[in-house]
Amino acid sequence: MHLGNEFLEDLELLNLFNLETTQGGIKIHHEAAPERIAAAKRLFDKGIITLKDGGYLTPHGIEAAQHTQSLLTILRDDIS
């Protein structure tokens, strides 16, 4: 399976969320990179975030972000 740029952009956006609190949302401004704006829309369309321009993680989004951030931690630890 090839991980395309869109998939990687989605992962990068999920990695921005602070999982320490459910009160920590994000805002994607209209001046953001087009790739970041598109990633937010894709995650919204999948029911992972609450707004097209960020917002909060949905319950499904919390799970996705936890998996994403766990994977990145594992991969970073293996590199060290």
Protein backbone atom coordinates (compact mmCIF):
# COMPACT_ATOMS: atom_id res chain seq x y z
CA MET A 1 0.00 0.00 0.00
CA HIS A 2 1.35 3.38 -1.00
CA LEU A 3 0.72 6.22 1.44
CA GLY A 4 -0.22 9.18 -0.73
CA ASN A 5 0.27 12.83 0.11
CA GLU A 6 -3.37 13.32 1.10
CA PHE A 7 -3.19 10.46 3.60
CA LEU A 8 0.01 11.88 5.08
CA GLU A 9 -1.53 15.37 5.33
CA ASP A 10 -4.49 13.85 7.21
CA LEU A 11 -2.09 12.17 9.65
CA GLU A 12 -0.16 15.40 10.15
CA LEU A 13 -3.37 17.23 10.98
CA LEU A 14 -4.45 14.55 13.45
CA ASN A 15 -1.06 14.85 15.10
CA LEU A 16 -1.73 18.53 15.89
CA PHE A 17 -4.53 17.75 18.33
CA ASN A 18 -3.74 17.79 22.04
CA LEU A 19 -5.12 14.55 23.44
CA GLU A 20 -4.60 15.67 27.04
CA THR A 21 -7.94 17.51 26.94
CA THR A 22 -11.17 17.33 24.98
CA GLN A 23 -11.30 21.13 25.14
CA GLY A 24 -8.35 21.52 22.77
CA GLY A 25 -9.56 22.16 19.26
CA ILE A 26 -7.72 23.61 16.29
CA LYS A 27 -8.53 26.28 13.72
CA ILE A 28 -7.35 26.07 10.12
CA HIS A 29 -7.25 29.63 8.83
CA HIS A 30 -8.08 30.47 5.23
CA GLU A 31 -4.44 31.54 4.74
CA ALA A 32 -3.20 28.04 5.63
CA ALA A 33 -1.58 25.83 3.03
CA PRO A 34 -4.15 24.45 0.59
CA GLU A 35 -3.09 20.93 1.58
CA ARG A 36 -3.89 21.63 5.25
CA ILE A 37 -7.29 23.10 4.35
CA ALA A 38 -8.08 20.07 2.18
CA ALA A 39 -7.02 17.68 4.96
CA ALA A 40 -9.39 19.38 7.39
CA LYS A 41 -12.26 19.05 4.92
CA ARG A 42 -11.51 15.36 4.35
CA LEU A 43 -11.41 14.68 8.10
CA PHE A 44 -14.66 16.59 8.56
CA ASP A 45 -16.31 14.62 5.74
CA LYS A 46 -15.25 11.38 7.46
CA GLY A 47 -16.72 12.50 10.78
CA ILE A 48 -13.33 12.78 12.48
CA ILE A 49 -13.46 16.52 13.27
CA THR A 50 -16.45 18.73 13.99
CA LEU A 51 -15.86 21.59 11.53
CA LYS A 52 -14.54 21.90 7.98
CA ASP A 53 -11.86 24.25 9.28
CA GLY A 54 -10.87 22.27 12.36
CA GLY A 55 -12.90 22.36 15.50
CA TYR A 56 -12.76 19.44 17.88
CA LEU A 57 -12.24 15.73 17.49
CA THR A 58 -15.35 13.58 17.42
CA PRO A 59 -15.30 10.33 19.43
CA HIS A 60 -14.15 8.58 16.24
CA GLY A 61 -11.57 11.33 15.77
CA ILE A 62 -10.19 10.88 19.27
CA GLU A 63 -9.57 7.23 18.49
CA ALA A 64 -7.96 8.08 15.15
CA ALA A 65 -5.71 10.73 16.71
CA GLN A 66 -4.70 8.35 19.52
CA HIS A 67 -3.66 5.71 17.00
CA THR A 68 -1.87 8.27 14.83
CA GLN A 69 0.06 9.76 17.72
CA SER A 70 0.90 6.33 19.16
CA LEU A 71 2.28 5.18 15.83
CA LEU A 72 4.41 8.30 15.47
CA THR A 73 5.76 7.83 19.00
CA ILE A 74 6.67 4.21 18.27
CA LEU A 75 8.38 5.11 15.01
CA ARG A 76 10.30 7.99 16.58
CA ASP A 77 11.44 5.80 19.47
CA ASP A 78 12.67 3.13 17.07
CA ILE A 79 14.76 5.72 15.20
CA SER A 80 16.61 6.86 18.32
